[in-house]
N, C-alpha and C. Protein backbone atom coordinates (compact mmCIF):
# COMPACT_ATOMS: atom_id res chain seq x y z
N MET A 1 70.20 28.82 -43.94
CA MET A 1 70.17 28.00 -42.88
C MET A 1 70.30 26.43 -42.49
N ASN A 2 70.63 25.89 -41.86
CA ASN A 2 70.68 24.70 -42.36
C ASN A 2 69.66 23.63 -41.30
N VAL A 3 68.85 23.21 -42.53
CA VAL A 3 67.50 22.31 -42.11
C VAL A 3 68.03 20.81 -41.04
N GLY A 4 68.96 21.12 -40.90
CA GLY A 4 69.43 19.58 -40.05
C GLY A 4 69.23 20.42 -38.42
N TRP A 5 69.51 21.56 -38.60
CA TRP A 5 69.49 22.35 -36.98
C TRP A 5 68.40 22.84 -36.84
N HIS A 6 67.43 23.10 -37.80
CA HIS A 6 66.11 23.55 -37.91
C HIS A 6 65.09 22.46 -36.73
N MET A 7 65.50 21.09 -37.78
CA MET A 7 64.88 19.98 -37.37
C MET A 7 64.74 19.47 -36.10
N ASN A 8 66.39 19.33 -35.41
CA ASN A 8 66.55 19.46 -34.27
C ASN A 8 66.31 20.02 -33.38
N MET A 9 66.24 21.47 -33.72
CA MET A 9 65.40 22.48 -32.93
C MET A 9 63.86 22.04 -32.55
N THR A 10 63.13 22.03 -33.87
CA THR A 10 61.70 21.67 -33.44
C THR A 10 61.71 20.24 -32.39
N ARG A 11 62.45 19.22 -32.48
CA ARG A 11 62.17 18.13 -31.78
C ARG A 11 62.36 18.60 -30.47
N ILE A 12 63.67 19.31 -30.34
CA ILE A 12 63.96 19.65 -29.08
C ILE A 12 62.53 20.28 -27.96
N LEU A 13 62.06 21.38 -28.84
CA LEU A 13 61.17 22.33 -28.53
C LEU A 13 59.98 21.21 -28.52
N THR A 14 59.13 20.52 -29.53
CA THR A 14 58.31 19.86 -29.25
C THR A 14 58.61 18.59 -27.66
N ARG A 15 59.44 18.15 -27.81
CA ARG A 15 59.95 17.21 -26.58
C ARG A 15 59.78 17.44 -25.60
N SER A 16 60.21 19.21 -25.30
CA SER A 16 60.08 19.66 -24.25
C SER A 16 58.57 20.37 -23.76
N GLY A 17 57.72 20.65 -24.78
CA GLY A 17 56.49 20.82 -24.52
C GLY A 17 55.89 19.46 -23.67
N TYR A 18 56.29 18.70 -24.47
CA TYR A 18 55.46 17.18 -23.85
C TYR A 18 55.60 17.04 -22.49
N TYR A 19 57.05 16.96 -22.45
CA TYR A 19 57.54 16.94 -20.96
C TYR A 19 56.84 17.78 -19.75
N PHE A 20 56.83 19.00 -20.42
CA PHE A 20 56.25 20.29 -19.67
C PHE A 20 54.83 19.73 -18.82
N ARG A 21 54.04 19.10 -20.00
CA ARG A 21 52.63 19.09 -20.06
C ARG A 21 52.71 17.87 -19.18
N ILE A 22 53.55 16.87 -19.19
CA ILE A 22 53.19 15.68 -18.25
C ILE A 22 54.11 16.32 -16.64
N GLY A 23 54.88 16.77 -16.78
CA GLY A 23 55.61 17.12 -15.60
C GLY A 23 54.62 18.41 -14.67
N TYR A 24 53.62 19.34 -15.37
CA TYR A 24 53.05 20.24 -14.68
C TYR A 24 51.54 19.68 -14.51
N GLY A 25 51.09 18.68 -15.15
CA GLY A 25 49.75 18.03 -15.24
C GLY A 25 49.62 17.09 -14.24
N THR A 26 51.12 16.58 -14.15
CA THR A 26 50.75 15.35 -13.48
C THR A 26 51.34 15.41 -11.89
N TYR A 27 52.18 16.14 -11.92
CA TYR A 27 53.26 16.39 -10.50
C TYR A 27 52.94 17.81 -10.20
N LEU A 28 52.94 18.78 -10.79
CA LEU A 28 53.08 20.03 -9.88
C LEU A 28 51.35 20.73 -9.78
N THR A 29 50.43 20.51 -10.79
CA THR A 29 48.83 20.45 -10.01
C THR A 29 48.57 19.94 -9.29
N PHE A 30 48.90 18.40 -9.13
CA PHE A 30 48.71 17.75 -8.11
C PHE A 30 48.92 18.43 -7.00
N LEU A 31 50.38 18.79 -6.53
CA LEU A 31 50.76 19.11 -5.07
C LEU A 31 50.28 20.56 -4.92
N LEU A 32 49.71 21.62 -6.17
CA LEU A 32 48.80 22.62 -5.88
C LEU A 32 47.27 22.75 -5.19
N GLY A 33 47.03 21.33 -6.20
CA GLY A 33 45.82 20.99 -5.57
C GLY A 33 45.65 20.74 -4.54
N TYR A 34 46.41 19.75 -3.84
CA TYR A 34 46.00 19.12 -2.65
C TYR A 34 46.65 20.07 -1.37
N VAL A 35 47.41 20.92 -1.70
CA VAL A 35 47.52 22.13 -0.78
C VAL A 35 46.48 22.89 -0.88
N SER A 36 46.09 23.68 -1.63
CA SER A 36 44.28 24.42 -2.18
C SER A 36 43.48 23.94 -1.98
N THR A 37 43.59 22.69 -1.74
CA THR A 37 42.00 22.02 -1.14
C THR A 37 42.61 22.22 0.48
N PHE A 38 43.34 21.70 1.33
CA PHE A 38 43.63 21.79 2.53
C PHE A 38 43.04 22.96 2.82
N VAL A 39 43.71 24.46 2.46
CA VAL A 39 44.18 25.44 2.62
C VAL A 39 42.41 26.24 2.69
N THR A 40 41.61 25.96 1.31
CA THR A 40 40.34 26.13 1.13
C THR A 40 39.62 25.69 2.00
N LEU A 41 39.38 24.38 2.51
CA LEU A 41 38.58 23.68 3.51
C LEU A 41 38.60 24.54 5.17
N TYR A 42 40.03 24.10 5.50
CA TYR A 42 40.47 24.97 6.64
C TYR A 42 39.84 26.48 7.02
N TYR A 43 40.37 27.19 6.01
CA TYR A 43 40.34 28.68 6.67
C TYR A 43 38.70 29.07 6.25
N LEU A 44 37.74 28.61 5.03
CA LEU A 44 36.85 29.18 4.57
C LEU A 44 35.47 28.40 5.22
N ALA A 45 35.71 26.88 5.81
CA ALA A 45 34.75 26.15 6.15
C ALA A 45 34.89 26.09 7.39
N ILE A 46 36.19 25.36 8.04
CA ILE A 46 36.08 24.91 8.93
C ILE A 46 36.44 26.33 10.51
N LYS A 47 37.17 27.22 9.87
CA LYS A 47 37.07 28.48 10.89
C LYS A 47 35.68 29.03 11.17
N ASN A 48 34.91 28.65 10.13
CA ASN A 48 33.39 29.37 10.43
C ASN A 48 32.96 28.61 11.19
N MET A 49 32.88 27.46 11.60
CA MET A 49 32.06 26.15 12.33
C MET A 49 32.83 25.78 13.37
N PRO A 50 32.11 26.44 14.65
CA PRO A 50 32.64 26.08 16.16
C PRO A 50 32.71 24.67 16.14
N ALA A 51 31.84 24.18 15.75
CA ALA A 51 31.67 22.13 16.23
C ALA A 51 33.09 22.04 15.52
N LEU A 52 33.32 22.14 13.99
CA LEU A 52 34.66 21.86 13.69
C LEU A 52 35.79 22.26 14.04
N LEU A 53 35.91 23.17 14.30
CA LEU A 53 37.06 24.19 14.97
C LEU A 53 37.61 22.98 16.13
N ASP A 54 36.20 22.71 17.08
CA ASP A 54 36.62 22.17 18.48
C ASP A 54 37.64 20.91 17.54
N ILE A 55 36.94 20.27 16.82
CA ILE A 55 37.28 19.08 16.20
C ILE A 55 39.13 19.24 16.13
N PHE A 56 38.99 20.12 14.71
CA PHE A 56 40.36 20.84 14.08
C PHE A 56 40.93 21.95 14.62
N PRO A 57 41.19 22.14 15.82
CA PRO A 57 41.59 23.66 16.38
C PRO A 57 43.05 24.00 15.34
N HIS A 58 43.92 23.23 14.84
CA HIS A 58 45.29 23.45 14.11
C HIS A 58 44.63 23.09 12.80
N PHE A 59 45.72 23.97 11.86
CA PHE A 59 45.61 23.56 10.54
C PHE A 59 46.55 22.54 10.12
N LEU A 60 47.26 22.26 10.85
CA LEU A 60 48.02 20.95 10.84
C LEU A 60 47.51 19.16 10.93
N THR A 61 46.76 19.48 12.43
CA THR A 61 45.77 18.54 12.58
C THR A 61 44.72 18.25 11.42
N PHE A 62 43.87 19.29 10.65
CA PHE A 62 43.17 19.05 9.72
C PHE A 62 44.33 17.95 8.72
N VAL A 63 45.38 18.66 8.18
CA VAL A 63 45.89 18.28 7.46
C VAL A 63 46.21 16.59 7.37
N ILE A 64 46.42 16.43 9.05
CA ILE A 64 46.91 15.30 8.86
C ILE A 64 46.02 13.76 8.75
N VAL A 65 45.26 14.36 9.23
CA VAL A 65 43.75 13.72 9.53
C VAL A 65 43.04 13.54 7.91
N GLY A 66 42.86 14.51 7.38
CA GLY A 66 42.61 14.62 5.97
C GLY A 66 43.83 13.78 5.10
N THR A 67 44.90 13.55 5.36
CA THR A 67 45.79 13.01 4.67
C THR A 67 45.47 11.26 4.60
N VAL A 68 45.40 11.31 6.19
CA VAL A 68 45.10 9.78 6.81
C VAL A 68 43.86 9.12 5.71
N ILE A 69 43.15 9.87 6.03
CA ILE A 69 41.41 9.24 5.36
C ILE A 69 42.11 9.46 3.76
N GLY A 70 42.10 10.23 3.29
CA GLY A 70 42.46 10.80 2.02
C GLY A 70 43.14 9.70 1.52
N LEU A 71 44.29 9.86 1.65
CA LEU A 71 45.45 8.78 1.08
C LEU A 71 44.84 7.17 0.77
N PRO A 72 44.49 6.33 1.38
CA PRO A 72 43.81 5.14 1.17
C PRO A 72 42.40 5.11 0.39
N LEU A 73 41.71 6.44 0.64
CA LEU A 73 40.37 6.83 -0.06
C LEU A 73 40.95 6.55 -1.55
N GLY A 74 41.72 7.45 -1.86
CA GLY A 74 42.44 8.06 -3.16
C GLY A 74 42.82 6.93 -3.78
N VAL A 75 43.48 5.74 -2.93
CA VAL A 75 44.41 4.90 -3.44
C VAL A 75 42.83 3.55 -4.08
N ILE A 76 41.63 3.57 -2.82
CA ILE A 76 40.84 2.62 -3.54
C ILE A 76 40.01 2.87 -4.45
N VAL A 77 39.76 4.41 -4.79
CA VAL A 77 39.06 4.87 -6.27
C VAL A 77 39.81 4.75 -7.08
N GLY A 78 40.84 4.90 -7.23
CA GLY A 78 41.87 4.80 -8.29
C GLY A 78 41.95 3.07 -8.65
N TRP A 79 41.79 2.51 -7.50
CA TRP A 79 42.03 1.08 -8.53
C TRP A 79 40.42 0.32 -8.86
N LEU A 80 39.02 1.11 -8.34
CA LEU A 80 38.09 0.69 -8.98
C LEU A 80 38.15 1.24 -10.03
N HIS A 81 38.53 2.58 -10.41
CA HIS A 81 38.51 3.01 -11.63
C HIS A 81 39.24 2.32 -12.59
N LEU A 82 40.43 1.58 -12.06
CA LEU A 82 41.35 0.85 -13.05
C LEU A 82 40.78 -0.93 -12.98
N LYS A 83 39.94 -1.31 -12.27
CA LYS A 83 39.72 -2.81 -12.56
C LYS A 83 37.89 -2.69 -12.57
N ARG A 84 37.59 -2.10 -12.10
CA ARG A 84 36.46 -2.34 -11.29
C ARG A 84 34.83 -1.14 -13.00
N THR A 85 35.45 -0.47 -13.42
CA THR A 85 34.92 0.12 -14.27
C THR A 85 35.52 0.37 -15.58
N SER A 86 34.44 0.45 -16.50
CA SER A 86 34.40 0.64 -17.96
C SER A 86 35.40 1.74 -18.26
N ALA A 87 35.72 2.78 -17.84
CA ALA A 87 35.91 3.75 -18.04
C ALA A 87 37.68 3.48 -18.52
N TRP A 88 38.27 3.00 -18.15
CA TRP A 88 40.13 2.47 -18.16
C TRP A 88 39.98 1.78 -19.75
N THR A 89 39.06 0.89 -19.90
CA THR A 89 39.21 0.07 -20.64
C THR A 89 38.98 1.16 -21.85
N ALA A 90 37.52 2.26 -21.94
CA ALA A 90 37.81 3.12 -22.60
C ALA A 90 38.90 3.83 -23.09
N GLU A 91 39.44 4.20 -21.62
CA GLU A 91 41.15 5.39 -22.19
C GLU A 91 41.90 4.77 -22.82
N VAL A 92 42.27 3.06 -22.57
CA VAL A 92 43.19 2.28 -23.01
C VAL A 92 42.92 2.25 -24.50
N ASP A 93 41.95 1.56 -25.16
CA ASP A 93 40.88 1.51 -26.23
C ASP A 93 41.27 3.50 -27.13
N ILE A 94 41.21 4.40 -26.48
CA ILE A 94 41.04 5.59 -27.33
C ILE A 94 42.78 5.80 -27.19
N GLY A 95 43.45 5.59 -26.23
CA GLY A 95 44.79 5.63 -26.46
C GLY A 95 45.61 4.42 -27.81
N ALA A 96 45.06 3.52 -27.77
CA ALA A 96 45.25 2.94 -28.61
C ALA A 96 45.46 2.56 -30.26
N GLU A 97 44.02 3.49 -30.16
CA GLU A 97 43.53 3.72 -31.59
C GLU A 97 43.80 4.97 -31.98
N ALA A 98 44.90 5.90 -30.98
CA ALA A 98 45.21 7.30 -31.48
C ALA A 98 46.77 7.28 -31.66
N ASN A 99 46.91 6.16 -30.94
CA ASN A 99 48.78 5.97 -31.24
C ASN A 99 49.00 5.06 -32.58
N PRO A 100 49.47 4.81 -33.18
CA PRO A 100 49.93 4.33 -34.70
C PRO A 100 50.96 3.19 -34.13
N TYR A 101 51.85 3.27 -33.45
CA TYR A 101 53.00 2.14 -32.87
C TYR A 101 52.05 1.40 -31.89
N ASN A 102 50.92 1.81 -31.65
CA ASN A 102 50.34 0.59 -30.57
C ASN A 102 49.20 -0.14 -31.48
N TYR A 103 49.62 -1.60 -31.13
CA TYR A 103 48.54 -2.49 -32.30
C TYR A 103 47.53 -3.65 -31.26
N LYS A 104 46.79 -4.21 -31.41
CA LYS A 104 46.29 -5.34 -30.65
C LYS A 104 46.33 -6.86 -31.50
N LEU A 105 46.71 -7.83 -30.59
CA LEU A 105 46.82 -9.08 -31.47
C LEU A 105 45.66 -9.71 -31.22
N THR A 106 44.70 -10.33 -31.92
CA THR A 106 43.84 -10.96 -31.87
C THR A 106 44.08 -12.15 -31.45
N PRO A 107 43.03 -12.60 -30.54
CA PRO A 107 43.40 -13.66 -29.68
C PRO A 107 43.35 -15.05 -30.45
N GLY A 108 43.71 -15.98 -29.89
CA GLY A 108 43.91 -17.26 -30.65
C GLY A 108 45.22 -17.87 -31.27
N LEU A 109 44.88 -18.06 -32.60
CA LEU A 109 46.64 -18.24 -33.63
C LEU A 109 47.11 -17.37 -33.75
N TRP A 110 47.39 -16.00 -33.95
CA TRP A 110 48.01 -14.70 -34.24
C TRP A 110 48.77 -14.44 -32.77
N ARG A 111 48.04 -14.81 -31.44
CA ARG A 111 49.05 -14.34 -30.05
C ARG A 111 49.37 -15.53 -29.91
N GLU A 112 49.02 -16.52 -30.55
CA GLU A 112 49.75 -17.86 -29.54
C GLU A 112 50.79 -18.36 -30.40
N ALA A 113 50.51 -18.23 -31.93
CA ALA A 113 51.49 -19.23 -32.94
C ALA A 113 52.21 -17.99 -33.66
N PHE A 114 51.62 -17.09 -34.11
CA PHE A 114 52.22 -17.03 -35.27
C PHE A 114 53.26 -15.85 -34.60
N VAL A 115 52.70 -14.89 -33.77
CA VAL A 115 53.73 -13.62 -33.66
C VAL A 115 54.63 -13.84 -33.01
N PRO A 116 54.72 -14.87 -31.67
CA PRO A 116 56.11 -15.53 -31.52
C PRO A 116 57.03 -16.36 -32.63
N THR A 117 56.38 -16.87 -33.40
CA THR A 117 57.06 -17.16 -34.43
C THR A 117 58.07 -16.38 -35.02
N PHE A 118 57.31 -15.20 -35.51
CA PHE A 118 57.73 -14.50 -36.43
C PHE A 118 58.61 -13.62 -35.57
N LEU A 119 58.57 -13.41 -34.49
CA LEU A 119 59.70 -13.04 -33.44
C LEU A 119 60.78 -13.62 -33.36
N GLU A 120 60.49 -15.06 -33.11
CA GLU A 120 61.79 -15.89 -32.92
C GLU A 120 62.46 -15.64 -34.63
N LEU A 121 62.09 -15.74 -35.88
CA LEU A 121 62.52 -15.52 -37.01
C LEU A 121 63.10 -14.34 -37.01
N LEU A 122 62.73 -12.98 -36.43
CA LEU A 122 62.99 -11.92 -36.56
C LEU A 122 64.76 -11.52 -36.26
């Protein structure tokens, strides 16, 4: 067996697995979760409460109102997560520690003078 072929197939399979995890975890499950949340809330909660059924007589009305409220709310919560909590800082720190290709420059001379000079020399 050709070793180069084996390494190429291994690389293709591992990359495909990574792409699958990103695509499935980020996009497909988001869409499925979005739809299933609306279906579950409407048909299990709103259909059994006459007062709410008067407000949302049709499923599409509920989806539109939920999207109009949920979209800006999601943006605000995401912004707060990134800008106002220490959770995002912790995520970035862990990601930088786990990835050997990421590194942090210490503030001061290294960031302002040495590294730009080294990059110019390269």
